[in-house]
Amino acid sequence: MPMRRLFSRENLFALGLCLLLALLLIVTTSTAPQWIYQGF
């Protein structure tokens, strides 16, 4: 099954780390980040 290989422990760890870093970046900015609103 390809899904079992996709959700291996290493991939889930890397994905969680990426999400944690993105969340940390958003939380640590004092105001709403401008790059979110760049398209509007």
C-alpha atoms as a PDB file:
ATOM      1  CA  MET A   1       0.000   0.000   0.000  1.00  0.00           C
ATOM      2  CA  PRO A   2       1.492   3.356  -0.984  1.00  0.00           C
ATOM      3  CA  MET A   3      -0.417   5.170   1.766  1.00  0.00           C
ATOM      4  CA  ARG A   4       1.453   3.196   4.429  1.00  0.00           C
ATOM      5  CA  ARG A   5       4.759   4.321   2.949  1.00  0.00           C
ATOM      6  CA  LEU A   6       3.527   7.930   2.683  1.00  0.00           C
ATOM      7  CA  PHE A   7       2.599   8.150   6.361  1.00  0.00           C
ATOM      8  CA  SER A   8       5.770   6.684   7.778  1.00  0.00           C
ATOM      9  CA  ARG A   9       7.063   7.856  11.131  1.00  0.00           C
ATOM     10  CA  GLU A  10       9.761  10.030   9.540  1.00  0.00           C
ATOM     11  CA  ASN A  11       7.278  11.777   7.233  1.00  0.00           C
ATOM     12  CA  LEU A  12       4.822  12.455  10.035  1.00  0.00           C
ATOM     13  CA  PHE A  13       7.628  13.833  12.196  1.00  0.00           C
ATOM     14  CA  ALA A  14       8.807  16.141   9.399  1.00  0.00           C
ATOM     15  CA  LEU A  15       5.254  17.315   8.700  1.00  0.00           C
ATOM     16  CA  GLY A  16       4.630  18.013  12.371  1.00  0.00           C
ATOM     17  CA  LEU A  17       7.867  19.955  12.617  1.00  0.00           C
ATOM     18  CA  CYS A  18       6.940  22.080   9.583  1.00  0.00           C
ATOM     19  CA  LEU A  19       3.496  22.826  10.998  1.00  0.00           C
ATOM     20  CA  LEU A  20       4.995  23.718  14.367  1.00  0.00           C
ATOM     21  CA  LEU A  21       7.462  26.134  12.778  1.00  0.00           C
ATOM     22  CA  ALA A  22       4.732  27.765  10.675  1.00  0.00           C
ATOM     23  CA  LEU A  23       2.499  28.140  13.738  1.00  0.00           C
ATOM     24  CA  LEU A  24       5.400  29.570  15.733  1.00  0.00           C
ATOM     25  CA  LEU A  25       6.097  32.091  12.963  1.00  0.00           C
ATOM     26  CA  ILE A  26       2.469  33.249  12.898  1.00  0.00           C
ATOM     27  CA  VAL A  27       2.108  33.431  16.689  1.00  0.00           C
ATOM     28  CA  THR A  28       5.336  35.328  17.291  1.00  0.00           C
ATOM     29  CA  THR A  29       4.479  38.137  14.874  1.00  0.00           C
ATOM     30  CA  SER A  30       3.024  40.982  16.905  1.00  0.00           C
ATOM     31  CA  THR A  31       0.272  41.945  14.450  1.00  0.00           C
ATOM     32  CA  ALA A  32      -1.371  40.052  11.614  1.00  0.00           C
ATOM     33  CA  PRO A  33       1.415  39.291   9.134  1.00  0.00           C
ATOM     34  CA  GLN A  34       1.299  41.340   5.940  1.00  0.00           C
ATOM     35  CA  TRP A  35       2.180  38.405   3.689  1.00  0.00           C
ATOM     36  CA  ILE A  36      -1.208  36.840   4.431  1.00  0.00           C
ATOM     37  CA  TYR A  37      -2.989  39.854   2.984  1.00  0.00           C
ATOM     38  CA  GLN A  38      -0.672  40.437   0.034  1.00  0.00           C
ATOM     39  CA  GLY A  39      -3.087  38.878  -2.429  1.00  0.00           C
ATOM     40  CA  PHE A  40      -6.003  41.107  -1.418  1.00  0.00           C
END
